Amino acid sequence: MHFSYWMVLVAALLPYVTVGGAKSRGIDNARPRESMAKLQGWRLRADWAHRNHFEAFPAFAAAVIIAELKQAPQSRIDWLSGVFVLLRVAYTFAYVGNQPSLRSTIWIGGLICVVALFVGG
């Protein structure tokens, strides 16, 4: 299996890993959304990062699939997908660490990876 496919799997799992910290104090499983709405500080930011990972995933997965269908060079697809995942991990740390400018810069880097996969793999 190509490295880029593994990166799609990692990106799909990243939201669940990210929200683990937010839920580490315990969440009322009968009313999880109410519990999450009461979070503060880094736990709240971890929840927001978790949500953003879900938002970023579809475009990334589609971009990898399209690059594969276009038969772009596999090394380029693998490289861009790996960089995307690394940027998403860095994005999480910037978000949880309350570094909004850095977080936005990292987010743009991830978007560039997605666009590069779409247009040229």
PDB file of N, CA and C in Angstrom:
ATOM      1  N   MET A   1       0.854  -1.181   0.000  1.00  0.00           N
ATOM      2  CA  MET A   1       0.000   0.000   0.000  1.00  0.00           C
ATOM      3  C   MET A   1       0.895   1.237   0.000  1.00  0.00           C
ATOM      4  N   HIS A   2       0.505   2.222  -0.778  1.00  0.00           N
ATOM      5  CA  HIS A   2       1.283   3.454  -0.882  1.00  0.00           C
ATOM      6  C   HIS A   2       1.290   4.221   0.437  1.00  0.00           C
ATOM      7  N   PHE A   3       2.389   4.916   0.671  1.00  0.00           N
ATOM      8  CA  PHE A   3       2.538   5.763   1.859  1.00  0.00           C
ATOM      9  C   PHE A   3       1.391   6.767   1.951  1.00  0.00           C
ATOM     10  N   SER A   4       0.992   7.344   0.815  1.00  0.00           N
ATOM     11  CA  SER A   4      -0.076   8.352   0.827  1.00  0.00           C
ATOM     12  C   SER A   4      -1.382   7.768   1.357  1.00  0.00           C
ATOM     13  N   TYR A   5      -1.641   6.498   1.110  1.00  0.00           N
ATOM     14  CA  TYR A   5      -2.853   5.869   1.633  1.00  0.00           C
ATOM     15  C   TYR A   5      -2.784   5.771   3.155  1.00  0.00           C
ATOM     16  N   TRP A   6      -1.604   5.474   3.675  1.00  0.00           N
ATOM     17  CA  TRP A   6      -1.430   5.452   5.121  1.00  0.00           C
ATOM     18  C   TRP A   6      -1.660   6.846   5.702  1.00  0.00           C
ATOM     19  N   MET A   7      -1.232   7.863   4.974  1.00  0.00           N
ATOM     20  CA  MET A   7      -1.424   9.231   5.451  1.00  0.00           C
ATOM     21  C   MET A   7      -2.909   9.606   5.468  1.00  0.00           C
ATOM     22  N   VAL A   8      -3.678   9.089   4.520  1.00  0.00           N
ATOM     23  CA  VAL A   8      -5.128   9.311   4.542  1.00  0.00           C
ATOM     24  C   VAL A   8      -5.708   8.671   5.799  1.00  0.00           C
ATOM     25  N   LEU A   9      -5.258   7.467   6.130  1.00  0.00           N
ATOM     26  CA  LEU A   9      -5.731   6.817   7.353  1.00  0.00           C
ATOM     27  C   LEU A   9      -5.346   7.618   8.593  1.00  0.00           C
ATOM     28  N   VAL A  10      -4.107   8.076   8.653  1.00  0.00           N
ATOM     29  CA  VAL A  10      -3.665   8.880   9.806  1.00  0.00           C
ATOM     30  C   VAL A  10      -4.507  10.148   9.910  1.00  0.00           C
ATOM     31  N   ALA A  11      -4.725  10.817   8.781  1.00  0.00           N
ATOM     32  CA  ALA A  11      -5.537  12.039   8.790  1.00  0.00           C
ATOM     33  C   ALA A  11      -6.969  11.755   9.226  1.00  0.00           C
ATOM     34  N   ALA A  12      -7.484  10.592   8.868  1.00  0.00           N
ATOM     35  CA  ALA A  12      -8.841  10.216   9.282  1.00  0.00           C
ATOM     36  C   ALA A  12      -8.920   9.967  10.782  1.00  0.00           C
ATOM     37  N   LEU A  13      -7.832   9.473  11.372  1.00  0.00           N
ATOM     38  CA  LEU A  13      -7.814   9.178  12.804  1.00  0.00           C
ATOM     39  C   LEU A  13      -7.418  10.373  13.663  1.00  0.00           C
ATOM     40  N   LEU A  14      -6.779  11.357  13.057  1.00  0.00           N
ATOM     41  CA  LEU A  14      -6.268  12.506  13.807  1.00  0.00           C
ATOM     42  C   LEU A  14      -7.334  13.234  14.630  1.00  0.00           C
ATOM     43  N   PRO A  15      -8.556  13.408  14.130  1.00  0.00           N
ATOM     44  CA  PRO A  15      -9.555  14.088  14.971  1.00  0.00           C
ATOM     45  C   PRO A  15      -9.841  13.344  16.278  1.00  0.00           C
ATOM     46  N   TYR A  16      -9.819  12.039  16.213  1.00  0.00           N
ATOM     47  CA  TYR A  16     -10.133  11.248  17.405  1.00  0.00           C
ATOM     48  C   TYR A  16      -8.999  11.308  18.425  1.00  0.00           C
ATOM     49  N   VAL A  17      -7.771  11.339  17.932  1.00  0.00           N
ATOM     50  CA  VAL A  17      -6.620  11.478  18.828  1.00  0.00           C
ATOM     51  C   VAL A  17      -6.643  12.860  19.477  1.00  0.00           C
ATOM     52  N   THR A  18      -6.944  13.871  18.675  1.00  0.00           N
ATOM     53  CA  THR A  18      -6.940  15.247  19.157  1.00  0.00           C
ATOM     54  C   THR A  18      -7.976  15.470  20.249  1.00  0.00           C
ATOM     55  N   VAL A  19      -9.143  14.905  20.089  1.00  0.00           N
ATOM     56  CA  VAL A  19     -10.205  15.153  21.063  1.00  0.00           C
ATOM     57  C   VAL A  19      -9.976  14.384  22.364  1.00  0.00           C
ATOM     58  N   GLY A  20      -9.081  13.409  22.334  1.00  0.00           N
ATOM     59  CA  GLY A  20      -8.792  12.650  23.545  1.00  0.00           C
ATOM     60  C   GLY A  20      -8.348  13.535  24.698  1.00  0.00           C
ATOM     61  N   GLY A  21      -7.495  14.517  24.405  1.00  0.00           N
ATOM     62  CA  GLY A  21      -7.057  15.445  25.447  1.00  0.00           C
ATOM     63  C   GLY A  21      -8.196  16.281  25.983  1.00  0.00           C
ATOM     64  N   ALA A  22      -9.058  16.709  25.087  1.00  0.00           N
ATOM     65  CA  ALA A  22     -10.189  17.533  25.514  1.00  0.00           C
ATOM     66  C   ALA A  22     -11.104  16.755  26.455  1.00  0.00           C
ATOM     67  N   LYS A  23     -11.236  15.482  26.211  1.00  0.00           N
ATOM     68  CA  LYS A  23     -12.142  14.658  27.012  1.00  0.00           C
ATOM     69  C   LYS A  23     -11.463  14.008  28.210  1.00  0.00           C
ATOM     70  N   SER A  24     -10.205  14.322  28.432  1.00  0.00           N
ATOM     71  CA  SER A  24      -9.445  13.635  29.477  1.00  0.00           C
ATOM     72  C   SER A  24      -9.963  13.891  30.889  1.00  0.00           C
ATOM     73  N   ARG A  25     -10.700  14.928  31.103  1.00  0.00           N
ATOM     74  CA  ARG A  25     -11.278  15.216  32.428  1.00  0.00           C
ATOM     75  C   ARG A  25     -12.619  14.535  32.628  1.00  0.00           C
ATOM     76  N   GLY A  26     -13.073  13.854  31.625  1.00  0.00           N
ATOM     77  CA  GLY A  26     -14.357  13.174  31.728  1.00  0.00           C
ATOM     78  C   GLY A  26     -15.470  13.998  31.116  1.00  0.00           C
ATOM     79  N   ILE A  27     -16.235  13.352  30.331  1.00  0.00           N
ATOM     80  CA  ILE A  27     -17.366  13.983  29.653  1.00  0.00           C
ATOM     81  C   ILE A  27     -18.606  13.166  29.982  1.00  0.00           C
ATOM     82  N   ASP A  28     -19.706  13.846  30.212  1.00  0.00           N
ATOM     83  CA  ASP A  28     -20.976  13.166  30.455  1.00  0.00           C
ATOM     84  C   ASP A  28     -21.409  12.518  29.146  1.00  0.00           C
ATOM     85  N   ASN A  29     -21.303  11.210  29.071  1.00  0.00           N
ATOM     86  CA  ASN A  29     -21.602  10.504  27.834  1.00  0.00           C
ATOM     87  C   ASN A  29     -23.077  10.568  27.469  1.00  0.00           C
ATOM     88  N   ALA A  30     -23.939  10.877  28.443  1.00  0.00           N
ATOM     89  CA  ALA A  30     -25.354  11.045  28.145  1.00  0.00           C
ATOM     90  C   ALA A  30     -25.608  12.380  27.436  1.00  0.00           C
ATOM     91  N   ARG A  31     -24.722  13.349  27.678  1.00  0.00           N
ATOM     92  CA  ARG A  31     -24.846  14.687  27.077  1.00  0.00           C
ATOM     93  C   ARG A  31     -23.469  15.203  26.675  1.00  0.00           C
ATOM     94  N   PRO A  32     -22.806  14.523  25.742  1.00  0.00           N
ATOM     95  CA  PRO A  32     -21.425  14.899  25.421  1.00  0.00           C
ATOM     96  C   PRO A  32     -21.294  16.298  24.839  1.00  0.00           C
ATOM     97  N   ARG A  33     -22.237  16.727  24.042  1.00  0.00           N
ATOM     98  CA  ARG A  33     -22.121  18.063  23.433  1.00  0.00           C
ATOM     99  C   ARG A  33     -22.241  19.167  24.481  1.00  0.00           C
ATOM    100  N   GLU A  34     -23.106  18.966  25.443  1.00  0.00           N
ATOM    101  CA  GLU A  34     -23.214  19.941  26.533  1.00  0.00           C
ATOM    102  C   GLU A  34     -21.918  19.989  27.335  1.00  0.00           C
ATOM    103  N   SER A  35     -21.358  18.827  27.616  1.00  0.00           N
ATOM    104  CA  SER A  35     -20.095  18.771  28.353  1.00  0.00           C
ATOM    105  C   SER A  35     -18.977  19.454  27.588  1.00  0.00           C
ATOM    106  N   MET A  36     -18.899  19.200  26.288  1.00  0.00           N
ATOM    107  CA  MET A  36     -17.845  19.791  25.475  1.00  0.00           C
ATOM    108  C   MET A  36     -18.003  21.311  25.412  1.00  0.00           C
ATOM    109  N   ALA A  37     -19.231  21.787  25.415  1.00  0.00           N
ATOM    110  CA  ALA A  37     -19.478  23.227  25.356  1.00  0.00           C
ATOM    111  C   ALA A  37     -18.998  23.946  26.615  1.00  0.00           C
ATOM    112  N   LYS A  38     -18.833  23.215  27.692  1.00  0.00           N
ATOM    113  CA  LYS A  38     -18.394  23.808  28.957  1.00  0.00           C
ATOM    114  C   LYS A  38     -16.873  23.801  29.135  1.00  0.00           C
ATOM    115  N   LEU A  39     -16.158  23.219  28.179  1.00  0.00           N
ATOM    116  CA  LEU A  39     -14.704  23.173  28.291  1.00  0.00           C
ATOM    117  C   LEU A  39     -14.107  24.571  28.222  1.00  0.00           C
ATOM    118  N   GLN A  40     -12.914  24.702  28.788  1.00  0.00           N
ATOM    119  CA  GLN A  40     -12.204  25.983  28.756  1.00  0.00           C
ATOM    120  C   GLN A  40     -10.730  25.725  28.478  1.00  0.00           C
ATOM    121  N   GLY A  41     -10.016  26.798  28.139  1.00  0.00           N
ATOM    122  CA  GLY A  41      -8.572  26.720  27.970  1.00  0.00           C
ATOM    123  C   GLY A  41      -8.143  25.771  26.875  1.00  0.00           C
ATOM    124  N   TRP A  42      -7.056  25.034  27.157  1.00  0.00           N
ATOM    125  CA  TRP A  42      -6.484  24.178  26.128  1.00  0.00           C
ATOM    126  C   TRP A  42      -7.419  23.046  25.733  1.00  0.00           C
ATOM    127  N   ARG A  43      -8.267  22.598  26.649  1.00  0.00           N
ATOM    128  CA  ARG A  43      -9.209  21.528  26.302  1.00  0.00           C
ATOM    129  C   ARG A  43     -10.239  22.015  25.274  1.00  0.00           C
ATOM    130  N   LEU A  44     -10.696  23.230  25.430  1.00  0.00           N
ATOM    131  CA  LEU A  44     -11.621  23.802  24.455  1.00  0.00           C
ATOM    132  C   LEU A  44     -10.932  23.946  23.100  1.00  0.00           C
ATOM    133  N   ARG A  45      -9.684  24.420  23.109  1.00  0.00           N
ATOM    134  CA  ARG A  45      -8.950  24.565  21.848  1.00  0.00           C
ATOM    135  C   ARG A  45      -8.679  23.203  21.206  1.00  0.00           C
ATOM    136  N   ALA A  46      -8.472  22.167  22.014  1.00  0.00           N
ATOM    137  CA  ALA A  46      -8.298  20.815  21.468  1.00  0.00           C
ATOM    138  C   ALA A  46      -9.576  20.352  20.777  1.00  0.00           C
ATOM    139  N   ASP A  47     -10.720  20.686  21.360  1.00  0.00           N
ATOM    140  CA  ASP A  47     -11.992  20.355  20.713  1.00  0.00           C
ATOM    141  C   ASP A  47     -12.130  21.104  19.396  1.00  0.00           C
ATOM    142  N   TRP A  48     -11.753  22.362  19.373  1.00  0.00           N
ATOM    143  CA  TRP A  48     -11.832  23.126  18.127  1.00  0.00           C
ATOM    144  C   TRP A  48     -10.891  22.557  17.069  1.00  0.00           C
ATOM    145  N   ALA A  49      -9.691  22.150  17.476  1.00  0.00           N
ATOM    146  CA  ALA A  49      -8.750  21.528  16.534  1.00  0.00           C
ATOM    147  C   ALA A  49      -9.342  20.228  16.001  1.00  0.00           C
ATOM    148  N   HIS A  50      -9.954  19.468  16.879  1.00  0.00           N
ATOM    149  CA  HIS A  50     -10.618  18.209  16.501  1.00  0.00           C
ATOM    150  C   HIS A  50     -11.651  18.466  15.405  1.00  0.00           C
ATOM    151  N   ARG A  51     -12.446  19.495  15.581  1.00  0.00           N
ATOM    152  CA  ARG A  51     -13.471  19.821  14.583  1.00  0.00           C
ATOM    153  C   ARG A  51     -12.841  20.252  13.264  1.00  0.00           C
ATOM    154  N   ASN A  52     -11.758  21.014  13.339  1.00  0.00           N
ATOM    155  CA  ASN A  52     -11.100  21.467  12.128  1.00  0.00           C
ATOM    156  C   ASN A  52     -10.472  20.305  11.361  1.00  0.00           C
ATOM    157  N   HIS A  53      -9.998  19.297  12.074  1.00  0.00           N
ATOM    158  CA  HIS A  53      -9.453  18.119  11.387  1.00  0.00           C
ATOM    159  C   HIS A  53     -10.539  17.447  10.544  1.00  0.00           C
ATOM    160  N   PHE A  54     -11.749  17.369  11.079  1.00  0.00           N
ATOM    161  CA  PHE A  54     -12.849  16.811  10.293  1.00  0.00           C
ATOM    162  C   PHE A  54     -13.129  17.659   9.057  1.00  0.00           C
ATOM    163  N   GLU A  55     -13.021  18.974   9.191  1.00  0.00           N
ATOM    164  CA  GLU A  55     -13.277  19.865   8.059  1.00  0.00           C
ATOM    165  C   GLU A  55     -12.208  19.737   6.981  1.00  0.00           C
ATOM    166  N   ALA A  56     -10.959  19.546   7.383  1.00  0.00           N
ATOM    167  CA  ALA A  56      -9.849  19.476   6.436  1.00  0.00           C
ATOM    168  C   ALA A  56      -9.749  18.119   5.743  1.00  0.00           C
ATOM    169  N   PHE A  57     -10.250  17.079   6.366  1.00  0.00           N
ATOM    170  CA  PHE A  57     -10.043  15.725   5.856  1.00  0.00           C
ATOM    171  C   PHE A  57     -10.637  15.470   4.474  1.00  0.00           C
ATOM    172  N   PRO A  58     -11.891  15.829   4.189  1.00  0.00           N
ATOM    173  CA  PRO A  58     -12.454  15.459   2.887  1.00  0.00           C
ATOM    174  C   PRO A  58     -11.652  15.988   1.691  1.00  0.00           C
ATOM    175  N   ALA A  59     -11.226  17.229   1.754  1.00  0.00           N
ATOM    176  CA  ALA A  59     -10.460  17.788   0.630  1.00  0.00           C
ATOM    177  C   ALA A  59      -9.132  17.063   0.479  1.00  0.00           C
ATOM    178  N   PHE A  60      -8.482  16.734   1.594  1.00  0.00           N
ATOM    179  CA  PHE A  60      -7.217  16.014   1.538  1.00  0.00           C
ATOM    180  C   PHE A  60      -7.405  14.630   0.926  1.00  0.00           C
ATOM    181  N   ALA A  61      -8.379  13.885   1.413  1.00  0.00           N
ATOM    182  CA  ALA A  61      -8.611  12.538   0.890  1.00  0.00           C
ATOM    183  C   ALA A  61      -8.947  12.588  -0.599  1.00  0.00           C
ATOM    184  N   ALA A  62      -9.792  13.526  -0.986  1.00  0.00           N
ATOM    185  CA  ALA A  62     -10.136  13.668  -2.401  1.00  0.00           C
ATOM    186  C   ALA A  62      -8.910  14.027  -3.230  1.00  0.00           C
ATOM    187  N   ALA A  63      -8.068  14.888  -2.702  1.00  0.00           N
ATOM    188  CA  ALA A  63      -6.866  15.304  -3.431  1.00  0.00           C
ATOM    189  C   ALA A  63      -5.927  14.131  -3.662  1.00  0.00           C
ATOM    190  N   VAL A  64      -5.757  13.284  -2.653  1.00  0.00           N
ATOM    191  CA  VAL A  64      -4.900  12.099  -2.817  1.00  0.00           C
ATOM    192  C   VAL A  64      -5.494  11.173  -3.874  1.00  0.00           C
ATOM    193  N   ILE A  65      -6.780  10.937  -3.805  1.00  0.00           N
ATOM    194  CA  ILE A  65      -7.437  10.061  -4.782  1.00  0.00           C
ATOM    195  C   ILE A  65      -7.294  10.625  -6.192  1.00  0.00           C
ATOM    196  N   ILE A  66      -7.527  11.914  -6.350  1.00  0.00           N
ATOM    197  CA  ILE A  66      -7.427  12.531  -7.670  1.00  0.00           C
ATOM    198  C   ILE A  66      -5.996  12.476  -8.189  1.00  0.00           C
ATOM    199  N   ALA A  67      -5.031  12.745  -7.331  1.00  0.00           N
ATOM    200  CA  ALA A  67      -3.624  12.660  -7.750  1.00  0.00           C
ATOM    201  C   ALA A  67      -3.289  11.240  -8.202  1.00  0.00           C
ATOM    202  N   GLU A  68      -3.801  10.245  -7.487  1.00  0.00           N
ATOM    203  CA  GLU A  68      -3.581   8.847  -7.880  1.00  0.00           C
ATOM    204  C   GLU A  68      -4.243   8.559  -9.223  1.00  0.00           C
ATOM    205  N   LEU A  69      -5.469   9.017  -9.405  1.00  0.00           N
ATOM    206  CA  LEU A  69      -6.172   8.783 -10.667  1.00  0.00           C
ATOM    207  C   LEU A  69      -5.481   9.457 -11.845  1.00  0.00           C
ATOM    208  N   LYS A  70      -4.879  10.600 -11.597  1.00  0.00           N
ATOM    209  CA  LYS A  70      -4.140  11.315 -12.645  1.00  0.00           C
ATOM    210  C   LYS A  70      -2.774  10.683 -12.906  1.00  0.00           C
ATOM    211  N   GLN A  71      -2.433   9.693 -12.100  1.00  0.00           N
ATOM    212  CA  GLN A  71      -1.147   9.008 -12.190  1.00  0.00           C
ATOM    213  C   GLN A  71       0.024   9.980 -12.047  1.00  0.00           C
ATOM    214  N   ALA A  72      -0.122  10.865 -11.084  1.00  0.00           N
ATOM    215  CA  ALA A  72       0.973  11.782 -10.750  1.00  0.00           C
ATOM    216  C   ALA A  72       2.119  10.946 -10.187  1.00  0.00           C
ATOM    217  N   PRO A  73       3.321  11.481 -10.192  1.00  0.00           N
ATOM    218  CA  PRO A  73       4.434  10.723  -9.630  1.00  0.00           C
ATOM    219  C   PRO A  73       4.159  10.324  -8.175  1.00  0.00           C
ATOM    220  N   GLN A  74       4.291   9.041  -7.900  1.00  0.00           N
ATOM    221  CA  GLN A  74       3.957   8.538  -6.565  1.00  0.00           C
ATOM    222  C   GLN A  74       4.802   9.195  -5.481  1.00  0.00           C
ATOM    223  N   SER A  75       6.053   9.462  -5.784  1.00  0.00           N
ATOM    224  CA  SER A  75       6.909  10.080  -4.767  1.00  0.00           C
ATOM    225  C   SER A  75       6.393  11.466  -4.391  1.00  0.00           C
ATOM    226  N   ARG A  76       5.861  12.195  -5.359  1.00  0.00           N
ATOM    227  CA  ARG A  76       5.307  13.526  -5.079  1.00  0.00           C
ATOM    228  C   ARG A  76       4.021  13.414  -4.250  1.00  0.00           C
ATOM    229  N   ILE A  77       3.161  12.472  -4.603  1.00  0.00           N
ATOM    230  CA  ILE A  77       1.931  12.263  -3.839  1.00  0.00           C
ATOM    231  C   ILE A  77       2.271  11.888  -2.400  1.00  0.00           C
ATOM    232  N   ASP A  78       3.210  10.968  -2.256  1.00  0.00           N
ATOM    233  CA  ASP A  78       3.610  10.532  -0.919  1.00  0.00           C
ATOM    234  C   ASP A  78       4.192  11.694  -0.116  1.00  0.00           C
ATOM    235  N   TRP A  79       5.057  12.470  -0.754  1.00  0.00           N
ATOM    236  CA  TRP A  79       5.700  13.588  -0.063  1.00  0.00           C
ATOM    237  C   TRP A  79       4.669  14.616   0.382  1.00  0.00           C
ATOM    238  N   LEU A  80       3.780  15.013  -0.526  1.00  0.00           N
ATOM    239  CA  LEU A  80       2.768  16.019  -0.189  1.00  0.00           C
ATOM    240  C   LEU A  80       1.812  15.521   0.887  1.00  0.00           C
ATOM    241  N   SER A  81       1.440  14.260   0.826  1.00  0.00           N
ATOM    242  CA  SER A  81       0.525  13.739   1.845  1.00  0.00           C
ATOM    243  C   SER A  81       1.220  13.640   3.197  1.00  0.00           C
ATOM    244  N   GLY A  82       2.498  13.280   3.208  1.00  0.00           N
ATOM    245  CA  GLY A  82       3.247  13.247   4.469  1.00  0.00           C
ATOM    246  C   GLY A  82       3.410  14.627   5.076  1.00  0.00           C
ATOM    247  N   VAL A  83       3.720  15.602   4.233  1.00  0.00           N
ATOM    248  CA  VAL A  83       3.853  16.980   4.717  1.00  0.00           C
ATOM    249  C   VAL A  83       2.514  17.470   5.254  1.00  0.00           C
ATOM    250  N   PHE A  84       1.423  17.148   4.558  1.00  0.00           N
ATOM    251  CA  PHE A  84       0.098  17.559   5.026  1.00  0.00           C
ATOM    252  C   PHE A  84      -0.160  17.033   6.433  1.00  0.00           C
ATOM    253  N   VAL A  85       0.100  15.751   6.659  1.00  0.00           N
ATOM    254  CA  VAL A  85      -0.162  15.165   7.975  1.00  0.00           C
ATOM    255  C   VAL A  85       0.743  15.790   9.038  1.00  0.00           C
ATOM    256  N   LEU A  86       2.015  15.988   8.716  1.00  0.00           N
ATOM    257  CA  LEU A  86       2.911  16.650   9.667  1.00  0.00           C
ATOM    258  C   LEU A  86       2.418  18.051  10.012  1.00  0.00           C
ATOM    259  N   LEU A  87       1.941  18.765   9.006  1.00  0.00           N
ATOM    260  CA  LEU A  87       1.409  20.107   9.249  1.00  0.00           C
ATOM    261  C   LEU A  87       0.153  20.056  10.117  1.00  0.00           C
ATOM    262  N   ARG A  88      -0.671  19.043   9.914  1.00  0.00           N
ATOM    263  CA  ARG A  88      -1.885  18.931  10.731  1.00  0.00           C
ATOM    264  C   ARG A  88      -1.532  18.624  12.192  1.00  0.00           C
ATOM    265  N   VAL A  89      -0.499  17.838  12.414  1.00  0.00           N
ATOM    266  CA  VAL A  89      -0.046  17.572  13.784  1.00  0.00           C
ATOM    267  C   VAL A  89       0.490  18.873  14.396  1.00  0.00           C
ATOM    268  N   ALA A  90       1.297  19.600  13.623  1.00  0.00           N
ATOM    269  CA  ALA A  90       1.820  20.891  14.109  1.00  0.00           C
ATOM    270  C   ALA A  90       0.678  21.863  14.358  1.00  0.00           C
ATOM    271  N   TYR A  91      -0.324  21.830  13.505  1.00  0.00           N
ATOM    272  CA  TYR A  91      -1.515  22.672  13.655  1.00  0.00           C
ATOM    273  C   TYR A  91      -2.181  22.397  15.007  1.00  0.00           C
ATOM    274  N   THR A  92      -2.285  21.122  15.353  1.00  0.00           N
ATOM    275  CA  THR A  92      -2.897  20.748  16.625  1.00  0.00           C
ATOM    276  C   THR A  92      -2.133  21.358  17.793  1.00  0.00           C
ATOM    277  N   PHE A  93      -0.804  21.227  17.758  1.00  0.00           N
ATOM    278  CA  PHE A  93       0.004  21.778  18.848  1.00  0.00           C
ATOM    279  C   PHE A  93      -0.112  23.300  18.905  1.00  0.00           C
ATOM    280  N   ALA A  94      -0.150  23.948  17.745  1.00  0.00           N
ATOM    281  CA  ALA A  94      -0.292  25.405  17.722  1.00  0.00           C
ATOM    282  C   ALA A  94      -1.667  25.821  18.252  1.00  0.00           C
ATOM    283  N   TYR A  95      -2.688  25.069  17.907  1.00  0.00           N
ATOM    284  CA  TYR A  95      -4.041  25.391  18.371  1.00  0.00           C
ATOM    285  C   TYR A  95      -4.146  25.204  19.883  1.00  0.00           C
ATOM    286  N   VAL A  96      -3.731  24.045  20.355  1.00  0.00           N
ATOM    287  CA  VAL A  96      -3.815  23.756  21.784  1.00  0.00           C
ATOM    288  C   VAL A  96      -2.918  24.709  22.577  1.00  0.00           C
ATOM    289  N   GLY A  97      -1.789  25.085  21.988  1.00  0.00           N
ATOM    290  CA  GLY A  97      -0.851  25.998  22.641  1.00  0.00           C
ATOM    291  C   GLY A  97      -1.214  27.463  22.521  1.00  0.00           C
ATOM    292  N   ASN A  98      -2.373  27.750  21.934  1.00  0.00           N
ATOM    293  CA  ASN A  98      -2.894  29.118  21.811  1.00  0.00           C
ATOM    294  C   ASN A  98      -1.941  30.029  21.032  1.00  0.00           C
ATOM    295  N   GLN A  99      -1.525  29.544  19.873  1.00  0.00           N
ATOM    296  CA  GLN A  99      -0.653  30.291  18.963  1.00  0.00           C
ATOM    297  C   GLN A  99      -1.414  30.551  17.657  1.00  0.00           C
ATOM    298  N   PRO A 100      -2.372  31.489  17.653  1.00  0.00           N
ATOM    299  CA  PRO A 100      -3.253  31.640  16.493  1.00  0.00           C
ATOM    300  C   PRO A 100      -2.551  32.030  15.197  1.00  0.00           C
ATOM    301  N   SER A 101      -1.559  32.895  15.256  1.00  0.00           N
ATOM    302  CA  SER A 101      -0.873  33.289  14.015  1.00  0.00           C
ATOM    303  C   SER A 101      -0.094  32.117  13.425  1.00  0.00           C
ATOM    304  N   LEU A 102       0.610  31.404  14.274  1.00  0.00           N
ATOM    305  CA  LEU A 102       1.342  30.224  13.820  1.00  0.00           C
ATOM    306  C   LEU A 102       0.371  29.181  13.281  1.00  0.00           C
ATOM    307  N   ARG A 103      -0.722  28.979  14.003  1.00  0.00           N
ATOM    308  CA  ARG A 103      -1.736  28.012  13.573  1.00  0.00           C
ATOM    309  C   ARG A 103      -2.255  28.347  12.187  1.00  0.00           C
ATOM    310  N   SER A 104      -2.534  29.614  11.929  1.00  0.00           N
ATOM    311  CA  SER A 104      -3.043  30.019  10.617  1.00  0.00           C
ATOM    312  C   SER A 104      -2.011  29.794   9.521  1.00  0.00           C
ATOM    313  N   THR A 105      -0.758  30.075   9.828  1.00  0.00           N
ATOM    314  CA  THR A 105       0.314  29.854   8.857  1.00  0.00           C
ATOM    315  C   THR A 105       0.436  28.372   8.527  1.00  0.00           C
ATOM    316  N   ILE A 106       0.365  27.529   9.541  1.00  0.00           N
ATOM    317  CA  ILE A 106       0.434  26.086   9.331  1.00  0.00           C
ATOM    318  C   ILE A 106      -0.768  25.612   8.533  1.00  0.00           C
ATOM    319  N   TRP A 107      -1.932  26.145   8.819  1.00  0.00           N
ATOM    320  CA  TRP A 107      -3.152  25.777   8.097  1.00  0.00           C
ATOM    321  C   TRP A 107      -2.990  26.086   6.608  1.00  0.00           C
ATOM    322  N   ILE A 108      -2.431  27.244   6.303  1.00  0.00           N
ATOM    323  CA  ILE A 108      -2.203  27.625   4.907  1.00  0.00           C
ATOM    324  C   ILE A 108      -1.251  26.628   4.241  1.00  0.00           C
ATOM    325  N   GLY A 109      -0.214  26.199   4.956  1.00  0.00           N
ATOM    326  CA  GLY A 109       0.695  25.193   4.412  1.00  0.00           C
ATOM    327  C   GLY A 109      -0.032  23.911   4.048  1.00  0.00           C
ATOM    328  N   GLY A 110      -0.947  23.472   4.903  1.00  0.00           N
ATOM    329  CA  GLY A 110      -1.742  22.283   4.609  1.00  0.00           C
ATOM    330  C   GLY A 110      -2.622  22.477   3.390  1.00  0.00           C
ATOM    331  N   LEU A 111      -3.204  23.657   3.283  1.00  0.00           N
ATOM    332  CA  LEU A 111      -4.039  23.957   2.122  1.00  0.00           C
ATOM    333  C   LEU A 111      -3.208  23.929   0.832  1.00  0.00           C
ATOM    334  N   ILE A 112      -2.006  24.446   0.895  1.00  0.00           N
ATOM    335  CA  ILE A 112      -1.115  24.414  -0.271  1.00  0.00           C
ATOM    336  C   ILE A 112      -0.833  22.961  -0.682  1.00  0.00           C
ATOM    337  N   CYS A 113      -0.627  22.092   0.284  1.00  0.00           N
ATOM    338  CA  CYS A 113      -0.417  20.668  -0.032  1.00  0.00           C
ATOM    339  C   CYS A 113      -1.628  20.079  -0.746  1.00  0.00           C
ATOM    340  N   VAL A 114      -2.817  20.391  -0.271  1.00  0.00           N
ATOM    341  CA  VAL A 114      -4.037  19.877  -0.880  1.00  0.00           C
ATOM    342  C   VAL A 114      -4.167  20.394  -2.313  1.00  0.00           C
ATOM    343  N   VAL A 115      -3.969  21.677  -2.510  1.00  0.00           N
ATOM    344  CA  VAL A 115      -4.060  22.248  -3.860  1.00  0.00           C
ATOM    345  C   VAL A 115      -3.009  21.629  -4.772  1.00  0.00           C
ATOM    346  N   ALA A 116      -1.788  21.458  -4.272  1.00  0.00           N
ATOM    347  CA  ALA A 116      -0.728  20.848  -5.079  1.00  0.00           C
ATOM    348  C   ALA A 116      -1.094  19.426  -5.482  1.00  0.00           C
ATOM    349  N   LEU A 117      -1.724  18.681  -4.585  1.00  0.00           N
ATOM    350  CA  LEU A 117      -2.165  17.335  -4.940  1.00  0.00           C
ATOM    351  C   LEU A 117      -3.240  17.376  -6.022  1.00  0.00           C
ATOM    352  N   PHE A 118      -4.166  18.307  -5.917  1.00  0.00           N
ATOM    353  CA  PHE A 118      -5.230  18.423  -6.910  1.00  0.00           C
ATOM    354  C   PHE A 118      -4.683  18.782  -8.284  1.00  0.00           C
ATOM    355  N   VAL A 119      -3.781  19.734  -8.343  1.00  0.00           N
ATOM    356  CA  VAL A 119      -3.369  20.255  -9.648  1.00  0.00           C
ATOM    357  C   VAL A 119      -2.209  19.498 -10.287  1.00  0.00           C
ATOM    358  N   GLY A 120      -1.383  18.888  -9.483  1.00  0.00           N
ATOM    359  CA  GLY A 120      -0.255  18.247 -10.138  1.00  0.00           C
ATOM    360  C   GLY A 120       0.261  17.009  -9.458  1.00  0.00           C
ATOM    361  N   GLY A 121      -0.353  16.695  -8.318  1.00  0.00           N
ATOM    362  CA  GLY A 121       0.104  15.522  -7.593  1.00  0.00           C
ATOM    363  C   GLY A 121       1.500  15.663  -7.304  1.00  0.00           C
TER     364      GLY A 121
END
